[in-house]
Amino acid sequence: MAKGRKLSQLELKSKQTIASAKKDFGTTINGYPIKWKISSDDGGRLLEAFCDDWDACGDLRKKIPSKYMGFRTIVIGYALTEDKSALRDFSYVDPNDY
C-alpha cells in the first residue's frame, strides 16, 4: 500500500478481520504456518486460511466457525499429494470448457 493512501471500508474491515483471526486462532497450527486471506465469490466474502499439512487443517477447521466477523470461512490444505511443491502453482482447466 502506498504511504498516505486511505484504506477503503472493505480494506479496513479485511485488515481488521485478519488481525482478529490471527489473535483468535493463531498464526500457526501444529507447528505449520497459517496464511490468512480475504476474498469474495458470487456468494459473498470469504476468510480463507491456508496451511501445509492436512491434519493441521483438520484441527483448524474444528477451531474456526463457519462464519467469522461476517465472512464465510474456508480452510485450505496444500498437502493433498506427496509432492507439495507440485500444488503450489497447480491449476486445471477442463479442456471441454474451451
PDB file of N, CA and C in Angstrom:
ATOM      1  N   MET A   1       0.837  -1.169   0.000  1.00  0.00           N
ATOM      2  CA  MET A   1       0.000   0.000   0.000  1.00  0.00           C
ATOM      3  C   MET A   1       0.888   1.240   0.000  1.00  0.00           C
ATOM      4  N   ALA A   2       0.536   2.187  -0.842  1.00  0.00           N
ATOM      5  CA  ALA A   2       1.311   3.424  -0.926  1.00  0.00           C
ATOM      6  C   ALA A   2       1.136   4.221   0.359  1.00  0.00           C
ATOM      7  N   LYS A   3       2.211   4.863   0.781  1.00  0.00           N
ATOM      8  CA  LYS A   3       2.173   5.648   2.008  1.00  0.00           C
ATOM      9  C   LYS A   3       1.197   6.813   1.837  1.00  0.00           C
ATOM     10  N   GLY A   4       0.346   7.007   2.848  1.00  0.00           N
ATOM     11  CA  GLY A   4      -0.596   8.113   2.799  1.00  0.00           C
ATOM     12  C   GLY A   4      -1.922   7.780   2.139  1.00  0.00           C
ATOM     13  N   ARG A   5      -2.032   6.627   1.499  1.00  0.00           N
ATOM     14  CA  ARG A   5      -3.281   6.233   0.857  1.00  0.00           C
ATOM     15  C   ARG A   5      -4.283   5.793   1.918  1.00  0.00           C
ATOM     16  N   LYS A   6      -5.489   6.301   1.842  1.00  0.00           N
ATOM     17  CA  LYS A   6      -6.517   5.948   2.802  1.00  0.00           C
ATOM     18  C   LYS A   6      -7.155   4.613   2.396  1.00  0.00           C
ATOM     19  N   LEU A   7      -7.334   3.740   3.392  1.00  0.00           N
ATOM     20  CA  LEU A   7      -7.942   2.437   3.124  1.00  0.00           C
ATOM     21  C   LEU A   7      -9.441   2.585   2.873  1.00  0.00           C
ATOM     22  N   SER A   8      -9.971   1.795   1.932  1.00  0.00           N
ATOM     23  CA  SER A   8     -11.414   1.762   1.734  1.00  0.00           C
ATOM     24  C   SER A   8     -12.042   1.034   2.919  1.00  0.00           C
ATOM     25  N   GLN A   9     -13.339   1.134   3.062  1.00  0.00           N
ATOM     26  CA  GLN A   9     -14.030   0.444   4.159  1.00  0.00           C
ATOM     27  C   GLN A   9     -13.816  -1.067   4.067  1.00  0.00           C
ATOM     28  N   LEU A  10     -13.861  -1.624   2.865  1.00  0.00           N
ATOM     29  CA  LEU A  10     -13.660  -3.064   2.692  1.00  0.00           C
ATOM     30  C   LEU A  10     -12.230  -3.464   3.060  1.00  0.00           C
ATOM     31  N   GLU A  11     -11.247  -2.643   2.642  1.00  0.00           N
ATOM     32  CA  GLU A  11      -9.855  -2.930   3.004  1.00  0.00           C
ATOM     33  C   GLU A  11      -9.653  -2.854   4.510  1.00  0.00           C
ATOM     34  N   LEU A  12     -10.251  -1.861   5.143  1.00  0.00           N
ATOM     35  CA  LEU A  12     -10.129  -1.699   6.583  1.00  0.00           C
ATOM     36  C   LEU A  12     -10.764  -2.878   7.320  1.00  0.00           C
ATOM     37  N   LYS A  13     -11.971  -3.277   6.911  1.00  0.00           N
ATOM     38  CA  LYS A  13     -12.647  -4.429   7.533  1.00  0.00           C
ATOM     39  C   LYS A  13     -11.837  -5.702   7.315  1.00  0.00           C
ATOM     40  N   SER A  14     -11.268  -5.865   6.131  1.00  0.00           N
ATOM     41  CA  SER A  14     -10.453  -7.045   5.829  1.00  0.00           C
ATOM     42  C   SER A  14      -9.216  -7.096   6.717  1.00  0.00           C
ATOM     43  N   LYS A  15      -8.549  -5.956   6.848  1.00  0.00           N
ATOM     44  CA  LYS A  15      -7.348  -5.875   7.686  1.00  0.00           C
ATOM     45  C   LYS A  15      -7.689  -6.199   9.137  1.00  0.00           C
ATOM     46  N   GLN A  16      -8.793  -5.651   9.626  1.00  0.00           N
ATOM     47  CA  GLN A  16      -9.230  -5.900  10.996  1.00  0.00           C
ATOM     48  C   GLN A  16      -9.616  -7.365  11.200  1.00  0.00           C
ATOM     49  N   THR A  17     -10.276  -7.949  10.212  1.00  0.00           N
ATOM     50  CA  THR A  17     -10.704  -9.344  10.307  1.00  0.00           C
ATOM     51  C   THR A  17      -9.504 -10.279  10.366  1.00  0.00           C
ATOM     52  N   ILE A  18      -8.509 -10.059   9.518  1.00  0.00           N
ATOM     53  CA  ILE A  18      -7.313 -10.905   9.524  1.00  0.00           C
ATOM     54  C   ILE A  18      -6.558 -10.741  10.843  1.00  0.00           C
ATOM     55  N   ALA A  19      -6.438  -9.509  11.331  1.00  0.00           N
ATOM     56  CA  ALA A  19      -5.757  -9.287  12.612  1.00  0.00           C
ATOM     57  C   ALA A  19      -6.492 -10.008  13.740  1.00  0.00           C
ATOM     58  N   SER A  20      -7.811  -9.959  13.723  1.00  0.00           N
ATOM     59  CA  SER A  20      -8.607 -10.626  14.749  1.00  0.00           C
ATOM     60  C   SER A  20      -8.497 -12.154  14.628  1.00  0.00           C
ATOM     61  N   ALA A  21      -8.499 -12.667  13.405  1.00  0.00           N
ATOM     62  CA  ALA A  21      -8.364 -14.118  13.196  1.00  0.00           C
ATOM     63  C   ALA A  21      -7.006 -14.605  13.694  1.00  0.00           C
ATOM     64  N   LYS A  22      -5.968 -13.832  13.429  1.00  0.00           N
ATOM     65  CA  LYS A  22      -4.635 -14.200  13.918  1.00  0.00           C
ATOM     66  C   LYS A  22      -4.620 -14.231  15.444  1.00  0.00           C
ATOM     67  N   LYS A  23      -5.305 -13.276  16.071  1.00  0.00           N
ATOM     68  CA  LYS A  23      -5.356 -13.227  17.529  1.00  0.00           C
ATOM     69  C   LYS A  23      -6.179 -14.396  18.075  1.00  0.00           C
ATOM     70  N   ASP A  24      -7.339 -14.666  17.467  1.00  0.00           N
ATOM     71  CA  ASP A  24      -8.251 -15.696  17.972  1.00  0.00           C
ATOM     72  C   ASP A  24      -7.816 -17.124  17.643  1.00  0.00           C
ATOM     73  N   PHE A  25      -7.234 -17.326  16.459  1.00  0.00           N
ATOM     74  CA  PHE A  25      -6.919 -18.682  16.005  1.00  0.00           C
ATOM     75  C   PHE A  25      -5.429 -18.934  15.817  1.00  0.00           C
ATOM     76  N   GLY A  26      -4.628 -17.875  15.842  1.00  0.00           N
ATOM     77  CA  GLY A  26      -3.190 -18.012  15.763  1.00  0.00           C
ATOM     78  C   GLY A  26      -2.613 -17.826  14.373  1.00  0.00           C
ATOM     79  N   THR A  27      -1.300 -17.920  14.328  1.00  0.00           N
ATOM     80  CA  THR A  27      -0.573 -17.805  13.052  1.00  0.00           C
ATOM     81  C   THR A  27       0.072 -19.133  12.674  1.00  0.00           C
ATOM     82  N   THR A  28      -0.033 -20.116  13.587  1.00  0.00           N
ATOM     83  CA  THR A  28       0.428 -21.478  13.288  1.00  0.00           C
ATOM     84  C   THR A  28      -0.564 -22.459  13.895  1.00  0.00           C
ATOM     85  N   ILE A  29      -0.579 -23.662  13.332  1.00  0.00           N
ATOM     86  CA  ILE A  29      -1.367 -24.769  13.886  1.00  0.00           C
ATOM     87  C   ILE A  29      -0.521 -26.024  13.779  1.00  0.00           C
ATOM     88  N   ASN A  30      -0.315 -26.678  14.895  1.00  0.00           N
ATOM     89  CA  ASN A  30       0.531 -27.886  14.949  1.00  0.00           C
ATOM     90  C   ASN A  30       1.921 -27.635  14.363  1.00  0.00           C
ATOM     91  N   GLY A  31       2.423 -26.411  14.526  1.00  0.00           N
ATOM     92  CA  GLY A  31       3.749 -26.063  14.024  1.00  0.00           C
ATOM     93  C   GLY A  31       3.781 -25.621  12.569  1.00  0.00           C
ATOM     94  N   TYR A  32       2.655 -25.619  11.892  1.00  0.00           N
ATOM     95  CA  TYR A  32       2.588 -25.187  10.480  1.00  0.00           C
ATOM     96  C   TYR A  32       2.027 -23.769  10.411  1.00  0.00           C
ATOM     97  N   PRO A  33       2.619 -22.910   9.594  1.00  0.00           N
ATOM     98  CA  PRO A  33       2.107 -21.538   9.490  1.00  0.00           C
ATOM     99  C   PRO A  33       0.720 -21.496   8.852  1.00  0.00           C
ATOM    100  N   ILE A  34      -0.089 -20.579   9.326  1.00  0.00           N
ATOM    101  CA  ILE A  34      -1.400 -20.319   8.726  1.00  0.00           C
ATOM    102  C   ILE A  34      -1.281 -19.037   7.918  1.00  0.00           C
ATOM    103  N   LYS A  35      -1.679 -19.087   6.654  1.00  0.00           N
ATOM    104  CA  LYS A  35      -1.695 -17.900   5.800  1.00  0.00           C
ATOM    105  C   LYS A  35      -3.157 -17.473   5.673  1.00  0.00           C
ATOM    106  N   TRP A  36      -3.449 -16.239   6.018  1.00  0.00           N
ATOM    107  CA  TRP A  36      -4.816 -15.719   6.003  1.00  0.00           C
ATOM    108  C   TRP A  36      -5.050 -14.856   4.772  1.00  0.00           C
ATOM    109  N   LYS A  37      -6.265 -14.934   4.219  1.00  0.00           N
ATOM    110  CA  LYS A  37      -6.599 -14.169   3.007  1.00  0.00           C
ATOM    111  C   LYS A  37      -8.093 -13.839   3.025  1.00  0.00           C
ATOM    112  N   ILE A  38      -8.425 -12.668   2.550  1.00  0.00           N
ATOM    113  CA  ILE A  38      -9.824 -12.268   2.342  1.00  0.00           C
ATOM    114  C   ILE A  38     -10.070 -12.251   0.836  1.00  0.00           C
ATOM    115  N   SER A  39     -11.174 -12.844   0.420  1.00  0.00           N
ATOM    116  CA  SER A  39     -11.539 -12.821  -0.999  1.00  0.00           C
ATOM    117  C   SER A  39     -13.062 -12.796  -1.104  1.00  0.00           C
ATOM    118  N   SER A  40     -13.567 -12.852  -2.315  1.00  0.00           N
ATOM    119  CA  SER A  40     -15.017 -12.882  -2.489  1.00  0.00           C
ATOM    120  C   SER A  40     -15.356 -13.799  -3.657  1.00  0.00           C
ATOM    121  N   ASP A  41     -16.568 -14.276  -3.634  1.00  0.00           N
ATOM    122  CA  ASP A  41     -17.101 -15.031  -4.763  1.00  0.00           C
ATOM    123  C   ASP A  41     -18.553 -14.587  -4.919  1.00  0.00           C
ATOM    124  N   ASP A  42     -19.295 -15.259  -5.763  1.00  0.00           N
ATOM    125  CA  ASP A  42     -20.670 -14.828  -6.001  1.00  0.00           C
ATOM    126  C   ASP A  42     -21.569 -15.030  -4.780  1.00  0.00           C
ATOM    127  N   GLY A  43     -21.091 -15.757  -3.777  1.00  0.00           N
ATOM    128  CA  GLY A  43     -21.869 -15.960  -2.557  1.00  0.00           C
ATOM    129  C   GLY A  43     -21.525 -14.997  -1.441  1.00  0.00           C
ATOM    130  N   GLY A  44     -20.554 -14.126  -1.665  1.00  0.00           N
ATOM    131  CA  GLY A  44     -20.184 -13.169  -0.636  1.00  0.00           C
ATOM    132  C   GLY A  44     -18.700 -13.167  -0.341  1.00  0.00           C
ATOM    133  N   ARG A  45     -18.360 -12.663   0.826  1.00  0.00           N
ATOM    134  CA  ARG A  45     -16.949 -12.521   1.209  1.00  0.00           C
ATOM    135  C   ARG A  45     -16.478 -13.740   1.988  1.00  0.00           C
ATOM    136  N   LEU A  46     -15.200 -14.071   1.796  1.00  0.00           N
ATOM    137  CA  LEU A  46     -14.604 -15.256   2.401  1.00  0.00           C
ATOM    138  C   LEU A  46     -13.381 -14.890   3.219  1.00  0.00           C
ATOM    139  N   LEU A  47     -13.216 -15.568   4.345  1.00  0.00           N
ATOM    140  CA  LEU A  47     -11.975 -15.553   5.097  1.00  0.00           C
ATOM    141  C   LEU A  47     -11.355 -16.920   4.857  1.00  0.00           C
ATOM    142  N   GLU A  48     -10.210 -16.944   4.182  1.00  0.00           N
ATOM    143  CA  GLU A  48      -9.552 -18.197   3.839  1.00  0.00           C
ATOM    144  C   GLU A  48      -8.310 -18.385   4.696  1.00  0.00           C
ATOM    145  N   ALA A  49      -8.139 -19.605   5.184  1.00  0.00           N
ATOM    146  CA  ALA A  49      -6.948 -19.977   5.951  1.00  0.00           C
ATOM    147  C   ALA A  49      -6.259 -21.104   5.201  1.00  0.00           C
ATOM    148  N   PHE A  50      -4.986 -20.917   4.906  1.00  0.00           N
ATOM    149  CA  PHE A  50      -4.201 -21.913   4.178  1.00  0.00           C
ATOM    150  C   PHE A  50      -3.138 -22.484   5.108  1.00  0.00           C
ATOM    151  N   CYS A  51      -2.902 -23.801   5.044  1.00  0.00           N
ATOM    152  CA  CYS A  51      -1.760 -24.377   5.754  1.00  0.00           C
ATOM    153  C   CYS A  51      -1.238 -25.584   4.968  1.00  0.00           C
ATOM    154  N   ASP A  52      -0.020 -25.999   5.305  1.00  0.00           N
ATOM    155  CA  ASP A  52       0.698 -27.009   4.518  1.00  0.00           C
ATOM    156  C   ASP A  52       0.518 -28.441   4.998  1.00  0.00           C
ATOM    157  N   ASP A  53      -0.327 -28.669   5.978  1.00  0.00           N
ATOM    158  CA  ASP A  53      -0.482 -30.025   6.499  1.00  0.00           C
ATOM    159  C   ASP A  53      -1.966 -30.363   6.615  1.00  0.00           C
ATOM    160  N   TRP A  54      -2.345 -31.480   6.051  1.00  0.00           N
ATOM    161  CA  TRP A  54      -3.755 -31.865   6.004  1.00  0.00           C
ATOM    162  C   TRP A  54      -4.331 -32.073   7.404  1.00  0.00           C
ATOM    163  N   ASP A  55      -3.577 -32.728   8.303  1.00  0.00           N
ATOM    164  CA  ASP A  55      -4.058 -32.947   9.673  1.00  0.00           C
ATOM    165  C   ASP A  55      -4.192 -31.623  10.427  1.00  0.00           C
ATOM    166  N   ALA A  56      -3.245 -30.730  10.223  1.00  0.00           N
ATOM    167  CA  ALA A  56      -3.319 -29.413  10.863  1.00  0.00           C
ATOM    168  C   ALA A  56      -4.553 -28.654  10.365  1.00  0.00           C
ATOM    169  N   CYS A  57      -4.861 -28.784   9.083  1.00  0.00           N
ATOM    170  CA  CYS A  57      -6.057 -28.136   8.534  1.00  0.00           C
ATOM    171  C   CYS A  57      -7.318 -28.677   9.206  1.00  0.00           C
ATOM    172  N   GLY A  58      -7.343 -29.986   9.447  1.00  0.00           N
ATOM    173  CA  GLY A  58      -8.484 -30.587  10.141  1.00  0.00           C
ATOM    174  C   GLY A  58      -8.651 -30.002  11.534  1.00  0.00           C
ATOM    175  N   ASP A  59      -7.539 -29.823  12.243  1.00  0.00           N
ATOM    176  CA  ASP A  59      -7.600 -29.215  13.575  1.00  0.00           C
ATOM    177  C   ASP A  59      -8.064 -27.765  13.496  1.00  0.00           C
ATOM    178  N   LEU A  60      -7.606 -27.048  12.484  1.00  0.00           N
ATOM    179  CA  LEU A  60      -8.007 -25.653  12.314  1.00  0.00           C
ATOM    180  C   LEU A  60      -9.491 -25.558  11.987  1.00  0.00           C
ATOM    181  N   ARG A  61     -10.003 -26.468  11.161  1.00  0.00           N
ATOM    182  CA  ARG A  61     -11.431 -26.473  10.836  1.00  0.00           C
ATOM    183  C   ARG A  61     -12.287 -26.620  12.092  1.00  0.00           C
ATOM    184  N   LYS A  62     -11.806 -27.393  13.064  1.00  0.00           N
ATOM    185  CA  LYS A  62     -12.554 -27.584  14.310  1.00  0.00           C
ATOM    186  C   LYS A  62     -12.586 -26.300  15.141  1.00  0.00           C
ATOM    187  N   LYS A  63     -11.576 -25.448  15.010  1.00  0.00           N
ATOM    188  CA  LYS A  63     -11.477 -24.214  15.801  1.00  0.00           C
ATOM    189  C   LYS A  63     -12.258 -23.053  15.190  1.00  0.00           C
ATOM    190  N   ILE A  64     -12.306 -22.988  13.875  1.00  0.00           N
ATOM    191  CA  ILE A  64     -12.884 -21.821  13.193  1.00  0.00           C
ATOM    192  C   ILE A  64     -14.370 -22.061  12.908  1.00  0.00           C
ATOM    193  N   PRO A  65     -15.233 -21.115  13.289  1.00  0.00           N
ATOM    194  CA  PRO A  65     -16.659 -21.265  12.970  1.00  0.00           C
ATOM    195  C   PRO A  65     -16.905 -21.088  11.470  1.00  0.00           C
ATOM    196  N   SER A  66     -18.074 -21.497  11.018  1.00  0.00           N
ATOM    197  CA  SER A  66     -18.387 -21.390   9.581  1.00  0.00           C
ATOM    198  C   SER A  66     -18.520 -19.934   9.127  1.00  0.00           C
ATOM    199  N   LYS A  67     -18.859 -19.037  10.045  1.00  0.00           N
ATOM    200  CA  LYS A  67     -18.871 -17.592   9.759  1.00  0.00           C
ATOM    201  C   LYS A  67     -18.079 -16.905  10.847  1.00  0.00           C
ATOM    202  N   TYR A  68     -17.290 -15.923  10.438  1.00  0.00           N
ATOM    203  CA  TYR A  68     -16.463 -15.185  11.384  1.00  0.00           C
ATOM    204  C   TYR A  68     -16.452 -13.723  10.976  1.00  0.00           C
ATOM    205  N   MET A  69     -16.939 -12.857  11.849  1.00  0.00           N
ATOM    206  CA  MET A  69     -16.988 -11.413  11.612  1.00  0.00           C
ATOM    207  C   MET A  69     -17.659 -11.067  10.275  1.00  0.00           C
ATOM    208  N   GLY A  70     -18.699 -11.816   9.932  1.00  0.00           N
ATOM    209  CA  GLY A  70     -19.446 -11.556   8.699  1.00  0.00           C
ATOM    210  C   GLY A  70     -18.881 -12.220   7.455  1.00  0.00           C
ATOM    211  N   PHE A  71     -17.786 -12.936   7.575  1.00  0.00           N
ATOM    212  CA  PHE A  71     -17.167 -13.625   6.435  1.00  0.00           C
ATOM    213  C   PHE A  71     -17.430 -15.126   6.553  1.00  0.00           C
ATOM    214  N   ARG A  72     -17.723 -15.790   5.436  1.00  0.00           N
ATOM    215  CA  ARG A  72     -17.739 -17.256   5.428  1.00  0.00           C
ATOM    216  C   ARG A  72     -16.294 -17.718   5.544  1.00  0.00           C
ATOM    217  N   THR A  73     -16.061 -18.815   6.237  1.00  0.00           N
ATOM    218  CA  THR A  73     -14.692 -19.278   6.438  1.00  0.00           C
ATOM    219  C   THR A  73     -14.418 -20.550   5.642  1.00  0.00           C
ATOM    220  N   ILE A  74     -13.188 -20.639   5.146  1.00  0.00           N
ATOM    221  CA  ILE A  74     -12.723 -21.794   4.376  1.00  0.00           C
ATOM    222  C   ILE A  74     -11.316 -22.116   4.848  1.00  0.00           C
ATOM    223  N   VAL A  75     -11.048 -23.394   5.069  1.00  0.00           N
ATOM    224  CA  VAL A  75      -9.694 -23.843   5.391  1.00  0.00           C
ATOM    225  C   VAL A  75      -9.212 -24.674   4.218  1.00  0.00           C
ATOM    226  N   ILE A  76      -8.040 -24.327   3.697  1.00  0.00           N
ATOM    227  CA  ILE A  76      -7.498 -24.976   2.502  1.00  0.00           C
ATOM    228  C   ILE A  76      -6.156 -25.593   2.841  1.00  0.00           C
ATOM    229  N   GLY A  77      -6.021 -26.875   2.535  1.00  0.00           N
ATOM    230  CA  GLY A  77      -4.755 -27.574   2.761  1.00  0.00           C
ATOM    231  C   GLY A  77      -4.025 -27.794   1.457  1.00  0.00           C
ATOM    232  N   TYR A  78      -2.724 -27.578   1.493  1.00  0.00           N
ATOM    233  CA  TYR A  78      -1.897 -27.781   0.299  1.00  0.00           C
ATOM    234  C   TYR A  78      -1.468 -29.228   0.137  1.00  0.00           C
ATOM    235  N   ALA A  79      -1.375 -29.984   1.224  1.00  0.00           N
ATOM    236  CA  ALA A  79      -0.725 -31.297   1.210  1.00  0.00           C
ATOM    237  C   ALA A  79      -1.688 -32.400   0.781  1.00  0.00           C
ATOM    238  N   LEU A  80      -2.196 -32.307  -0.429  1.00  0.00           N
ATOM    239  CA  LEU A  80      -3.093 -33.341  -0.936  1.00  0.00           C
ATOM    240  C   LEU A  80      -2.332 -34.473  -1.606  1.00  0.00           C
ATOM    241  N   THR A  81      -1.090 -34.256  -1.946  1.00  0.00           N
ATOM    242  CA  THR A  81      -0.253 -35.283  -2.561  1.00  0.00           C
ATOM    243  C   THR A  81       1.081 -35.307  -1.840  1.00  0.00           C
ATOM    244  N   GLU A  82       1.884 -36.283  -2.159  1.00  0.00           N
ATOM    245  CA  GLU A  82       3.221 -36.361  -1.583  1.00  0.00           C
ATOM    246  C   GLU A  82       4.100 -35.218  -2.084  1.00  0.00           C
ATOM    247  N   ASP A  83       3.839 -34.733  -3.297  1.00  0.00           N
ATOM    248  CA  ASP A  83       4.651 -33.687  -3.904  1.00  0.00           C
ATOM    249  C   ASP A  83       4.009 -32.326  -3.644  1.00  0.00           C
ATOM    250  N   LYS A  84       4.266 -31.739  -2.470  1.00  0.00           N
ATOM    251  CA  LYS A  84       3.664 -30.463  -2.100  1.00  0.00           C
ATOM    252  C   LYS A  84       4.032 -29.351  -3.081  1.00  0.00           C
ATOM    253  N   SER A  85       5.259 -29.374  -3.591  1.00  0.00           N
ATOM    254  CA  SER A  85       5.687 -28.302  -4.493  1.00  0.00           C
ATOM    255  C   SER A  85       4.874 -28.306  -5.789  1.00  0.00           C
ATOM    256  N   ALA A  86       4.374 -29.454  -6.201  1.00  0.00           N
ATOM    257  CA  ALA A  86       3.577 -29.523  -7.426  1.00  0.00           C
ATOM    258  C   ALA A  86       2.259 -28.785  -7.277  1.00  0.00           C
ATOM    259  N   LEU A  87       1.774 -28.645  -6.045  1.00  0.00           N
ATOM    260  CA  LEU A  87       0.489 -27.994  -5.829  1.00  0.00           C
ATOM    261  C   LEU A  87       0.592 -26.483  -5.662  1.00  0.00           C
ATOM    262  N   ARG A  88       1.765 -25.965  -5.459  1.00  0.00           N
ATOM    263  CA  ARG A  88       1.909 -24.530  -5.194  1.00  0.00           C
ATOM    264  C   ARG A  88       1.374 -23.679  -6.344  1.00  0.00           C
ATOM    265  N   ASP A  89       1.629 -24.071  -7.561  1.00  0.00           N
ATOM    266  CA  ASP A  89       1.158 -23.315  -8.721  1.00  0.00           C
ATOM    267  C   ASP A  89       0.243 -24.160  -9.593  1.00  0.00           C
ATOM    268  N   PHE A  90      -0.464 -25.106  -8.975  1.00  0.00           N
ATOM    269  CA  PHE A  90      -1.311 -26.018  -9.741  1.00  0.00           C
ATOM    270  C   PHE A  90      -2.590 -25.334 -10.195  1.00  0.00           C
ATOM    271  N   SER A  91      -2.945 -25.581 -11.409  1.00  0.00           N
ATOM    272  CA  SER A  91      -4.207 -25.109 -11.961  1.00  0.00           C
ATOM    273  C   SER A  91      -4.678 -26.122 -12.992  1.00  0.00           C
ATOM    274  N   TYR A  92      -5.966 -26.386 -13.037  1.00  0.00           N
ATOM    275  CA  TYR A  92      -6.504 -27.315 -14.025  1.00  0.00           C
ATOM    276  C   TYR A  92      -7.731 -26.668 -14.654  1.00  0.00           C
ATOM    277  N   VAL A  93      -7.788 -26.721 -15.947  1.00  0.00           N
ATOM    278  CA  VAL A  93      -8.929 -26.234 -16.691  1.00  0.00           C
ATOM    279  C   VAL A  93      -9.463 -27.403 -17.520  1.00  0.00           C
ATOM    280  N   ASP A  94     -10.753 -27.642 -17.413  1.00  0.00           N
ATOM    281  CA  ASP A  94     -11.359 -28.717 -18.185  1.00  0.00           C
ATOM    282  C   ASP A  94     -11.296 -28.324 -19.670  1.00  0.00           C
ATOM    283  N   PRO A  95     -10.625 -29.138 -20.509  1.00  0.00           N
ATOM    284  CA  PRO A  95     -10.480 -28.776 -21.922  1.00  0.00           C
ATOM    285  C   PRO A  95     -11.829 -28.718 -22.647  1.00  0.00           C
ATOM    286  N   ASN A  96     -12.841 -29.352 -22.104  1.00  0.00           N
ATOM    287  CA  ASN A  96     -14.169 -29.312 -22.729  1.00  0.00           C
ATOM    288  C   ASN A  96     -14.845 -27.958 -22.561  1.00  0.00           C
ATOM    289  N   ASP A  97     -14.300 -27.131 -21.660  1.00  0.00           N
ATOM    290  CA  ASP A  97     -14.875 -25.811 -21.449  1.00  0.00           C
ATOM    291  C   ASP A  97     -14.403 -24.805 -22.490  1.00  0.00           C
ATOM    292  N   TYR A  98     -13.395 -25.200 -23.289  1.00  0.00           N
ATOM    293  CA  TYR A  98     -12.846 -24.252 -24.276  1.00  0.00           C
ATOM    294  C   TYR A  98     -12.956 -24.753 -25.672  1.00  0.00           C
TER     295      TYR A  98
END
